[in-house]
C-alpha atoms as a PDB file:
ATOM      1  CA  ILE A   1      -6.628 -19.582 -11.845  1.00  0.00           C
ATOM      2  CA  LEU A   2      -5.980 -17.946 -15.249  1.00  0.00           C
ATOM      3  CA  GLY A   3      -3.846 -20.927 -16.269  1.00  0.00           C
ATOM      4  CA  LEU A   4      -1.136 -20.073 -13.740  1.00  0.00           C
ATOM      5  CA  SER A   5       0.448 -22.796 -11.658  1.00  0.00           C
ATOM      6  CA  PRO A   6       1.105 -23.082  -8.882  1.00  0.00           C
ATOM      7  CA  VAL A   7      -1.279 -20.550  -7.384  1.00  0.00           C
ATOM      8  CA  VAL A   8       0.025 -19.957  -3.875  1.00  0.00           C
ATOM      9  CA  GLY A   9      -2.061 -18.189  -1.253  1.00  0.00           C
ATOM     10  CA  VAL A  10      -0.752 -16.806   2.026  1.00  0.00           C
ATOM     11  CA  VAL A  11      -2.941 -16.662   5.124  1.00  0.00           C
ATOM     12  CA  GLY A  12      -2.295 -15.487   8.655  1.00  0.00           C
ATOM     13  CA  SER A  13      -4.233 -18.155  10.523  1.00  0.00           C
ATOM     14  CA  SER A  14      -5.092 -21.820  10.104  1.00  0.00           C
ATOM     15  CA  SER A  15      -8.803 -21.034  10.017  1.00  0.00           C
ATOM     16  CA  LYS A  16      -8.354 -19.455   6.563  1.00  0.00           C
ATOM     17  CA  VAL A  17      -6.549 -22.338   4.827  1.00  0.00           C
ATOM     18  CA  ASP A  18      -9.669 -24.167   3.611  1.00  0.00           C
ATOM     19  CA  GLU A  19     -11.198 -20.944   2.287  1.00  0.00           C
ATOM     20  CA  ALA A  20      -8.055 -20.146   0.301  1.00  0.00           C
ATOM     21  CA  LYS A  21      -8.080 -23.643  -1.189  1.00  0.00           C
ATOM     22  CA  SER A  22     -11.751 -23.317  -2.102  1.00  0.00           C
ATOM     23  CA  LEU A  23     -10.901 -20.109  -3.991  1.00  0.00           C
ATOM     24  CA  GLY A  24      -8.417 -21.982  -6.196  1.00  0.00           C
ATOM     25  CA  CYS A  25      -5.061 -21.988  -4.431  1.00  0.00           C
ATOM     26  CA  ASP A  26      -2.912 -25.033  -5.228  1.00  0.00           C
ATOM     27  CA  VAL A  27      -0.740 -24.352  -2.168  1.00  0.00           C
ATOM     28  CA  VAL A  28      -1.630 -22.360   0.934  1.00  0.00           C
ATOM     29  CA  ILE A  29       1.082 -21.009   3.215  1.00  0.00           C
ATOM     30  CA  ASP A  30      -0.082 -20.419   6.772  1.00  0.00           C
ATOM     31  CA  LYS A  31       2.257 -17.765   8.211  1.00  0.00           C
ATOM     32  CA  SER A  32       1.139 -18.647  11.737  1.00  0.00           C
ATOM     33  CA  THR A  33       2.611 -22.161  11.480  1.00  0.00           C
ATOM     34  CA  GLU A  34       5.522 -21.915   9.016  1.00  0.00           C
ATOM     35  CA  ASP A  35       8.075 -19.460   7.669  1.00  0.00           C
ATOM     36  CA  LEU A  36       6.544 -17.648   4.712  1.00  0.00           C
ATOM     37  CA  TRP A  37       9.680 -17.394   2.607  1.00  0.00           C
ATOM     38  CA  ASP A  38      10.928 -20.953   3.169  1.00  0.00           C
ATOM     39  CA  ALA A  39       7.488 -22.279   2.217  1.00  0.00           C
ATOM     40  CA  ALA A  40       7.343 -19.958  -0.813  1.00  0.00           C
ATOM     41  CA  LYS A  41      10.676 -21.297  -2.053  1.00  0.00           C
ATOM     42  CA  ARG A  42       9.483 -24.901  -1.640  1.00  0.00           C
ATOM     43  CA  ALA A  43       6.265 -24.173  -3.562  1.00  0.00           C
ATOM     44  CA  ALA A  44       8.067 -22.574  -6.534  1.00  0.00           C
ATOM     45  CA  PRO A  45      11.801 -23.349  -6.503  1.00  0.00           C
ATOM     46  CA  SER A  46      12.366 -21.532  -9.811  1.00  0.00           C
ATOM     47  CA  GLY A  47      10.534 -18.420  -8.645  1.00  0.00           C
ATOM     48  CA  TYR A  48       7.132 -16.930  -9.350  1.00  0.00           C
ATOM     49  CA  SER A  49       5.845 -15.421 -12.569  1.00  0.00           C
ATOM     50  CA  THR A  50       3.758 -13.005 -10.493  1.00  0.00           C
ATOM     51  CA  VAL A  51       3.914 -11.945  -6.855  1.00  0.00           C
ATOM     52  CA  MET A  52       1.132  -9.736  -5.480  1.00  0.00           C
ATOM     53  CA  ASP A  53       2.343  -7.983  -2.340  1.00  0.00           C
ATOM     54  CA  ALA A  54      -0.166  -6.136  -0.145  1.00  0.00           C
ATOM     55  CA  ASN A  55       2.226  -5.470   2.736  1.00  0.00           C
ATOM     56  CA  GLY A  56       4.781  -3.183   1.169  1.00  0.00           C
ATOM     57  CA  VAL A  57       7.852  -2.127   3.110  1.00  0.00           C
ATOM     58  CA  SER A  58       8.077  -5.193   5.353  1.00  0.00           C
ATOM     59  CA  THR A  59       7.934  -7.755   2.511  1.00  0.00           C
ATOM     60  CA  LEU A  60       8.847  -5.957  -0.704  1.00  0.00           C
ATOM     61  CA  LYS A  61      12.485  -7.078  -0.960  1.00  0.00           C
ATOM     62  CA  GLN A  62      11.668 -10.729  -0.233  1.00  0.00           C
ATOM     63  CA  SER A  63       8.789 -10.631  -2.725  1.00  0.00           C
ATOM     64  CA  TYR A  64      11.165  -9.311  -5.378  1.00  0.00           C
ATOM     65  CA  ASP A  65      13.786 -11.929  -4.490  1.00  0.00           C
ATOM     66  CA  HIS A  66      11.253 -14.737  -5.113  1.00  0.00           C
ATOM     67  CA  LEU A  67      10.383 -13.700  -8.663  1.00  0.00           C
ATOM     68  CA  ALA A  68      11.363 -15.814 -11.652  1.00  0.00           C
ATOM     69  CA  ALA A  69      13.741 -14.166 -14.127  1.00  0.00           C
ATOM     70  CA  THR A  70      10.900 -12.545 -16.087  1.00  0.00           C
ATOM     71  CA  GLY A  71       8.464 -12.304 -13.178  1.00  0.00           C
ATOM     72  CA  ARG A  72       6.258  -9.363 -12.279  1.00  0.00           C
ATOM     73  CA  LEU A  73       5.847  -7.813  -8.835  1.00  0.00           C
ATOM     74  CA  ILE A  74       2.463  -6.208  -8.221  1.00  0.00           C
ATOM     75  CA  VAL A  75       2.419  -3.996  -5.135  1.00  0.00           C
ATOM     76  CA  PHE A  76      -0.845  -2.781  -3.642  1.00  0.00           C
ATOM     77  CA  GLY A  77      -2.124  -1.736  -0.247  1.00  0.00           C
ATOM     78  CA  PHE A  78       1.153  -1.099   1.596  1.00  0.00           C
ATOM     79  CA  HIS A  79      -0.407  -2.394   4.801  1.00  0.00           C
ATOM     80  CA  SER A  80       2.845  -2.392   6.799  1.00  0.00           C
ATOM     81  CA  ASN A  81       3.601   1.206   5.854  1.00  0.00           C
ATOM     82  CA  LEU A  82       0.363   2.773   7.113  1.00  0.00           C
ATOM     83  CA  PRO A  83       0.050   4.418  10.532  1.00  0.00           C
ATOM     84  CA  MET A  84      -2.217   2.321  12.779  1.00  0.00           C
ATOM     85  CA  GLY A  85      -4.361   2.848  15.845  1.00  0.00           C
ATOM     86  CA  LYS A  86      -4.662   6.124  17.705  1.00  0.00           C
ATOM     87  CA  SER A  87      -1.500   7.517  16.130  1.00  0.00           C
ATOM     88  CA  ALA A  88      -2.996   7.248  12.619  1.00  0.00           C
ATOM     89  CA  LEU A  89      -4.030  10.907  12.710  1.00  0.00           C
ATOM     90  CA  ASP A  90      -0.673  12.123  14.043  1.00  0.00           C
ATOM     91  CA  PRO A  91       1.098  14.141  11.304  1.00  0.00           C
ATOM     92  CA  LEU A  92       4.458  12.807  12.500  1.00  0.00           C
ATOM     93  CA  GLN A  93       3.327   9.256  11.669  1.00  0.00           C
ATOM     94  CA  TRP A  94       2.509  10.310   8.115  1.00  0.00           C
ATOM     95  CA  ILE A  95       5.963  11.887   7.767  1.00  0.00           C
ATOM     96  CA  LYS A  96       7.480   8.601   8.976  1.00  0.00           C
ATOM     97  CA  MET A  97       5.374   6.770   6.372  1.00  0.00           C
ATOM     98  CA  ALA A  98       6.776   8.996   3.627  1.00  0.00           C
ATOM     99  CA  SER A  99      10.284   8.317   4.906  1.00  0.00           C
ATOM    100  CA  LYS A 100       9.692   4.534   4.769  1.00  0.00           C
ATOM    101  CA  ALA A 101       8.383   4.853   1.220  1.00  0.00           C
ATOM    102  CA  ASN A 102      11.572   6.677   0.269  1.00  0.00           C
ATOM    103  CA  LYS A 103      13.662   3.706   1.498  1.00  0.00           C
ATOM    104  CA  MET A 104      11.809   1.065  -0.488  1.00  0.00           C
ATOM    105  CA  PRO A 105      13.888  -0.940  -2.958  1.00  0.00           C
END
């Protein structure tokens, strides 16, 4: 993909591995069967030129730590920072979200 190698995809269940490969991933890390960060290090021992992180607070530091010296970290989505479920409309949850954002590296 775009001349980058290796292209590493991360999925949350084994049923998505083949789909990720069909979309062009050289390596697919299945978080349900292996440690994400150990597998990421094995796939690119020198670090990544680009890491795209959709989770945010829960993974941001590790994503940054796995960049190559001149790598770029692209953060989008912040899935792990958003209020979920019935409490999503609770103003207190949104204040907590802002507090988490303030603590990001």
